Amino acid sequence: MEKLAEKLPIAGKEGALWATAVQWRRRHEFGRASNLFMPLLDRVIKQRYPHNVSP
């Protein structure tokens, strides 16, 4: 986390479009990452596709 805390503000100033979503005590497991990721992915896909086209 210390490395990310340093890197994220710098990357953001350089135009990075990503962040972290910490799941404490999960280490490299995914835990319930889908609960966070799937609604985000759904919204991004809807914004990128024309309204009359299905992904």
C-alpha atoms as a PDB file:
ATOM      1  CA  MET A   1       0.000   0.000   0.000  1.00  0.00           C
ATOM      2  CA  GLU A   2       2.853   2.395   0.673  1.00  0.00           C
ATOM      3  CA  LYS A   3       4.077   2.046  -2.919  1.00  0.00           C
ATOM      4  CA  LEU A   4       0.579   2.604  -4.288  1.00  0.00           C
ATOM      5  CA  ALA A   5       0.028   5.613  -2.045  1.00  0.00           C
ATOM      6  CA  GLU A   6       3.110   7.180  -3.611  1.00  0.00           C
ATOM      7  CA  LYS A   7       2.464   6.124  -7.182  1.00  0.00           C
ATOM      8  CA  LEU A   8      -1.260   6.885  -7.639  1.00  0.00           C
ATOM      9  CA  PRO A   9      -1.114  10.688  -7.183  1.00  0.00           C
ATOM     10  CA  ILE A  10       1.832  10.930  -9.578  1.00  0.00           C
ATOM     11  CA  ALA A  11       0.189   8.688 -12.169  1.00  0.00           C
ATOM     12  CA  GLY A  12      -3.051  10.678 -11.860  1.00  0.00           C
ATOM     13  CA  LYS A  13      -1.242  13.914 -12.655  1.00  0.00           C
ATOM     14  CA  GLU A  14       0.182  12.182 -15.736  1.00  0.00           C
ATOM     15  CA  GLY A  15      -3.307  11.278 -16.937  1.00  0.00           C
ATOM     16  CA  ALA A  16      -3.708   7.726 -15.622  1.00  0.00           C
ATOM     17  CA  LEU A  17      -7.320   6.583 -15.568  1.00  0.00           C
ATOM     18  CA  TRP A  18      -7.077   3.873 -12.933  1.00  0.00           C
ATOM     19  CA  ALA A  19      -7.182   3.511  -9.179  1.00  0.00           C
ATOM     20  CA  THR A  20      -7.253   0.840  -6.509  1.00  0.00           C
ATOM     21  CA  ALA A  21     -10.121  -0.777  -4.668  1.00  0.00           C
ATOM     22  CA  VAL A  22      -8.649  -2.295  -1.561  1.00  0.00           C
ATOM     23  CA  GLN A  23     -10.130  -5.476  -0.138  1.00  0.00           C
ATOM     24  CA  TRP A  24      -8.446  -5.698   3.223  1.00  0.00           C
ATOM     25  CA  ARG A  25      -6.959  -9.045   4.302  1.00  0.00           C
ATOM     26  CA  ARG A  26      -7.489 -10.581   0.840  1.00  0.00           C
ATOM     27  CA  ARG A  27      -3.901 -10.278  -0.384  1.00  0.00           C
ATOM     28  CA  HIS A  28      -3.924 -11.706  -3.921  1.00  0.00           C
ATOM     29  CA  GLU A  29      -7.345 -13.328  -3.666  1.00  0.00           C
ATOM     30  CA  PHE A  30     -10.226 -11.753  -5.518  1.00  0.00           C
ATOM     31  CA  GLY A  31     -12.686 -12.032  -2.639  1.00  0.00           C
ATOM     32  CA  ARG A  32     -15.806 -10.248  -3.808  1.00  0.00           C
ATOM     33  CA  ALA A  33     -14.148  -8.165  -6.489  1.00  0.00           C
ATOM     34  CA  SER A  34     -17.029  -8.884  -8.874  1.00  0.00           C
ATOM     35  CA  ASN A  35     -19.364  -6.912  -6.598  1.00  0.00           C
ATOM     36  CA  LEU A  36     -17.301  -3.832  -7.395  1.00  0.00           C
ATOM     37  CA  PHE A  37     -16.062  -4.615 -10.875  1.00  0.00           C
ATOM     38  CA  MET A  38     -19.178  -5.859 -12.662  1.00  0.00           C
ATOM     39  CA  PRO A  39     -21.332  -2.738 -12.068  1.00  0.00           C
ATOM     40  CA  LEU A  40     -18.397  -0.586 -13.200  1.00  0.00           C
ATOM     41  CA  LEU A  41     -17.848  -2.689 -16.314  1.00  0.00           C
ATOM     42  CA  ASP A  42     -21.579  -2.641 -17.099  1.00  0.00           C
ATOM     43  CA  ARG A  43     -21.666   1.142 -16.944  1.00  0.00           C
ATOM     44  CA  VAL A  44     -18.510   1.561 -19.026  1.00  0.00           C
ATOM     45  CA  ILE A  45     -19.832  -0.754 -21.745  1.00  0.00           C
ATOM     46  CA  LYS A  46     -23.157   1.102 -21.842  1.00  0.00           C
ATOM     47  CA  GLN A  47     -21.347   4.429 -22.227  1.00  0.00           C
ATOM     48  CA  ARG A  48     -19.085   3.163 -25.011  1.00  0.00           C
ATOM     49  CA  TYR A  49     -21.695   1.435 -27.210  1.00  0.00           C
ATOM     50  CA  PRO A  50     -24.347   3.288 -29.161  1.00  0.00           C
ATOM     51  CA  HIS A  51     -27.803   2.961 -27.584  1.00  0.00           C
ATOM     52  CA  ASN A  52     -29.142   0.830 -30.441  1.00  0.00           C
ATOM     53  CA  VAL A  53     -26.237  -1.677 -30.389  1.00  0.00           C
ATOM     54  CA  SER A  54     -25.879  -4.597 -28.001  1.00  0.00           C
ATOM     55  CA  PRO A  55     -22.378  -5.493 -26.828  1.00  0.00           C
END
